[in-house]
Amino acid sequence: MSHRLFPDDVLFLQRLLSCCGLYHHRLDGDYGPRTDAAEAEFEHRCEAIAEAEGRFDARSEGNIRSLQLDAQELARSSLAAIRRRLAGDGMDARIISGTRTYAEQNALYRQGRGGNPGNRVTNARGGQSWHNFGLAWDVGIFDGGAYVTKGGPYAQVSSAGKVAGVEWGGDWPGFPDPPHYQKVPPGQKISAARTVFESGGRA
């Protein structure tokens, strides 16, 4: 039995594995031998990507390995470039968020709304964020171990983080999101991405 990436949402896991070309069976939410085998192969390929592209801290590793495989390569390349840019300033960067299930996204959306504690951090419900499709990650910058919340350093490293194929959330005019990076298929709207993901890439 391999490690369960999304133990509370097997259907979500099957969709992700299918989008990666590793699961070719019915999307039924049943964690059986076929799903287990596909997840084991996913983990094997994650390890190969880490070996080729370089490894990071445990938190970054866990979040990177929640992404689709092609997005993992970009996330590693982007983070490495950001860390090189920050090295001269004595700061560090980590990937602090990766793929989120729809339920996790909805919980984040409720934060700061309807009397729930915390600040509003997203306008996206479940199925409305690129995080929900294994294609987006958030970078946190740390100065002496302290998490940097203001946008200045994030903007300064964005040119390094925007490796080929990566879009930076700080460039969005309506709701800038400086910690956010993503791999977006050219010309694809998020509604189409949701359809593709929910079909396991078979749409």
Protein backbone atom coordinates (compact mmCIF):
# COMPACT_ATOMS: atom_id res chain seq x y z
CA MET A 1 0.00 0.00 0.00
CA SER A 2 1.45 3.33 -1.05
CA HIS A 3 1.12 6.60 0.84
CA ARG A 4 -2.35 8.10 0.47
CA LEU A 5 -2.03 11.56 -1.06
CA PHE A 6 -5.68 12.59 -0.59
CA PRO A 7 -7.09 9.98 1.83
CA ASP A 8 -10.35 11.88 2.42
CA ASP A 9 -11.22 12.25 -1.27
CA VAL A 10 -10.37 9.20 -3.35
CA LEU A 11 -12.30 10.49 -6.37
CA PHE A 12 -10.18 13.64 -6.33
CA LEU A 13 -7.06 11.47 -6.17
CA GLN A 14 -8.22 9.35 -9.10
CA ARG A 15 -8.86 12.47 -11.17
CA LEU A 16 -5.37 13.79 -10.44
CA LEU A 17 -3.73 10.46 -11.25
CA SER A 18 -5.77 10.20 -14.44
CA CYS A 19 -4.74 13.70 -15.52
CA CYS A 20 -1.13 12.56 -15.06
CA GLY A 21 -1.77 9.61 -17.37
CA LEU A 22 -1.36 7.03 -14.60
CA TYR A 23 -4.92 5.89 -13.88
CA HIS A 24 -7.00 4.59 -16.78
CA HIS A 25 -9.99 3.04 -15.05
CA ARG A 26 -13.38 4.18 -13.85
CA LEU A 27 -13.45 7.33 -11.72
CA ASP A 28 -15.52 5.81 -8.95
CA GLY A 29 -14.01 7.00 -5.65
CA ASP A 30 -13.11 3.43 -4.65
CA TYR A 31 -9.54 3.02 -3.40
CA GLY A 32 -8.75 -0.40 -4.80
CA PRO A 33 -5.63 -2.09 -6.22
CA ARG A 34 -5.73 -0.07 -9.46
CA THR A 35 -5.78 3.25 -7.64
CA ASP A 36 -3.07 2.03 -5.30
CA ALA A 37 -0.85 0.98 -8.21
CA ALA A 38 -1.37 4.32 -9.95
CA GLU A 39 -0.51 6.23 -6.78
CA ALA A 40 2.61 4.14 -6.27
CA GLU A 41 3.72 5.01 -9.81
CA PHE A 42 2.92 8.66 -9.14
CA GLU A 43 5.18 8.59 -6.09
CA HIS A 44 7.92 6.91 -8.11
CA ARG A 45 7.76 9.67 -10.72
CA CYS A 46 7.67 12.38 -8.05
CA GLU A 47 10.90 10.96 -6.66
CA ALA A 48 12.50 10.91 -10.11
CA ILE A 49 11.57 14.57 -10.67
CA ALA A 50 13.02 15.52 -7.27
CA GLU A 51 16.21 13.65 -8.09
CA ALA A 52 16.54 15.47 -11.40
CA GLU A 53 15.43 18.96 -10.35
CA GLY A 54 16.66 19.17 -6.74
CA ARG A 55 15.07 18.76 -3.33
CA PHE A 56 13.86 21.31 -0.79
CA ASP A 57 12.62 21.46 2.80
CA ALA A 58 9.98 18.99 3.99
CA ARG A 59 7.08 21.45 3.73
CA SER A 60 7.96 22.42 0.18
CA GLU A 61 8.44 18.78 -0.78
CA GLY A 62 5.01 17.79 0.49
CA ASN A 63 3.29 20.58 -1.38
CA ILE A 64 5.24 20.08 -4.60
CA ARG A 65 4.42 16.38 -4.61
CA SER A 66 0.70 17.18 -4.48
CA LEU A 67 0.89 18.81 -7.93
CA GLN A 68 0.46 17.25 -11.34
CA LEU A 69 3.78 15.90 -12.58
CA ASP A 70 4.51 18.52 -15.23
CA ALA A 71 3.65 21.28 -12.74
CA GLN A 72 6.07 19.73 -10.24
CA GLU A 73 8.98 20.28 -12.62
CA LEU A 74 8.03 23.92 -13.08
CA ALA A 75 7.47 24.48 -9.36
CA ARG A 76 10.92 23.12 -8.54
CA SER A 77 12.59 25.21 -11.23
CA SER A 78 10.70 28.32 -10.12
CA LEU A 79 11.45 27.86 -6.42
CA ALA A 80 15.14 27.23 -7.10
CA ALA A 81 15.34 30.48 -9.08
CA ILE A 82 13.55 32.42 -6.34
CA ARG A 83 15.86 31.01 -3.67
CA ARG A 84 18.93 32.00 -5.68
CA ARG A 85 17.58 35.54 -6.00
CA LEU A 86 16.96 35.76 -2.24
CA ALA A 87 20.24 34.20 -1.14
CA GLY A 88 22.15 37.48 -1.25
CA ASP A 89 19.59 39.10 1.06
CA GLY A 90 19.78 36.35 3.66
CA MET A 91 16.18 35.29 3.02
CA ASP A 92 14.64 31.98 2.08
CA ALA A 93 11.57 30.74 0.20
CA ARG A 94 9.39 27.69 0.55
CA ILE A 95 6.29 26.38 -1.17
CA ILE A 96 3.65 26.68 1.51
CA SER A 97 0.59 25.49 -0.41
CA GLY A 98 0.03 23.13 -3.31
CA THR A 99 -3.02 21.22 -4.47
CA ARG A 100 -6.25 21.64 -2.53
CA THR A 101 -9.34 19.44 -2.80
CA TYR A 102 -12.66 21.14 -3.39
CA ALA A 103 -13.55 20.64 0.28
CA GLU A 104 -10.30 22.24 1.39
CA GLN A 105 -10.90 25.15 -0.99
CA ASN A 106 -14.42 25.69 0.35
CA ALA A 107 -13.10 25.71 3.92
CA LEU A 108 -10.56 28.37 2.93
CA TYR A 109 -13.28 30.39 1.16
CA ARG A 110 -15.40 30.42 4.34
CA GLN A 111 -12.56 31.98 6.30
CA GLY A 112 -13.53 35.56 7.18
CA ARG A 113 -17.07 35.05 5.84
CA GLY A 114 -20.35 34.28 7.58
CA GLY A 115 -18.95 35.03 10.99
CA ASN A 116 -16.01 32.67 10.60
CA PRO A 117 -12.69 33.85 12.08
CA GLY A 118 -9.69 34.99 10.08
CA ASN A 119 -9.12 37.24 7.09
CA ARG A 120 -10.49 36.60 3.63
CA VAL A 121 -7.70 35.03 1.62
CA THR A 122 -9.48 33.80 -1.50
CA ASN A 123 -12.44 34.64 -3.69
CA ALA A 124 -12.52 31.14 -5.15
CA ARG A 125 -14.85 28.37 -4.05
CA GLY A 126 -14.10 24.71 -4.63
CA GLY A 127 -13.52 24.07 -8.34
CA GLN A 128 -12.77 27.75 -9.03
CA SER A 129 -9.06 27.80 -8.20
CA TRP A 130 -6.12 26.46 -10.16
CA HIS A 131 -5.00 24.94 -6.84
CA ASN A 132 -7.93 22.53 -7.23
CA PHE A 133 -6.47 20.99 -10.37
CA GLY A 134 -2.89 20.38 -9.24
CA LEU A 135 -1.56 23.27 -11.28
CA ALA A 136 -0.87 26.04 -8.71
CA TRP A 137 1.32 26.63 -5.70
CA ASP A 138 1.99 29.44 -3.23
CA VAL A 139 5.47 30.61 -2.27
CA GLY A 140 6.25 31.96 1.18
CA ILE A 141 9.29 34.15 1.79
CA PHE A 142 11.04 33.96 5.16
CA ASP A 143 13.47 36.45 6.67
CA GLY A 144 15.44 34.97 9.54
CA GLY A 145 12.73 32.35 9.93
CA ALA A 146 9.93 34.96 10.08
CA TYR A 147 7.22 34.75 7.43
CA VAL A 148 7.15 37.86 5.22
CA THR A 149 3.57 39.01 4.64
CA LYS A 150 4.06 42.24 2.69
CA GLY A 151 4.35 42.18 -1.07
CA GLY A 152 7.67 43.95 -1.72
CA PRO A 153 9.98 40.93 -1.65
CA TYR A 154 7.43 38.87 -3.57
CA ALA A 155 7.42 41.36 -6.42
CA GLN A 156 11.21 41.56 -6.39
CA VAL A 157 11.62 37.83 -6.94
CA SER A 158 8.74 37.41 -9.39
CA SER A 159 10.91 37.81 -12.48
CA ALA A 160 13.01 34.89 -11.27
CA GLY A 161 9.98 32.81 -10.35
CA LYS A 162 8.29 33.28 -13.72
CA VAL A 163 10.27 30.58 -15.48
CA ALA A 164 8.97 29.56 -18.90
CA GLY A 165 5.47 28.15 -18.55
CA VAL A 166 4.73 29.75 -15.16
CA GLU A 167 2.29 32.58 -14.48
CA TRP A 168 2.60 34.86 -11.43
CA GLY A 169 -0.50 35.85 -9.47
CA GLY A 170 0.94 39.30 -8.77
CA ASP A 171 0.30 40.20 -12.41
CA TRP A 172 -3.46 39.81 -12.05
CA PRO A 173 -5.17 43.23 -12.27
CA GLY A 174 -8.37 42.40 -10.37
CA PHE A 175 -7.13 40.43 -7.37
CA PRO A 176 -3.31 40.39 -7.26
CA ASP A 177 -1.91 37.39 -5.38
CA PRO A 178 1.87 37.89 -5.03
CA PRO A 179 2.69 34.51 -3.40
CA HIS A 180 0.83 32.59 -6.15
CA TYR A 181 2.36 30.80 -9.15
CA GLN A 182 0.68 28.45 -11.57
CA LYS A 183 0.98 26.43 -14.74
CA VAL A 184 -1.93 27.31 -16.99
CA PRO A 185 -2.60 25.62 -20.34
CA PRO A 186 -2.40 28.38 -23.01
CA GLY A 187 -5.77 29.99 -23.65
CA GLN A 188 -7.64 27.70 -21.24
CA LYS A 189 -10.22 29.25 -18.94
CA ILE A 190 -10.70 27.90 -15.46
CA SER A 191 -14.17 26.56 -16.29
CA ALA A 192 -12.63 24.44 -19.05
CA ALA A 193 -9.83 23.34 -16.72
CA ARG A 194 -12.43 22.13 -14.22
CA THR A 195 -14.17 20.08 -16.91
CA VAL A 196 -10.87 18.54 -17.95
CA PHE A 197 -9.88 17.74 -14.36
CA GLU A 198 -13.23 16.25 -13.39
CA SER A 199 -13.07 13.95 -16.41
CA GLY A 200 -9.55 12.92 -15.40
CA GLY A 201 -8.11 14.61 -18.46
CA ARG A 202 -10.38 12.57 -20.71
CA ALA A 203 -12.69 15.43 -21.73
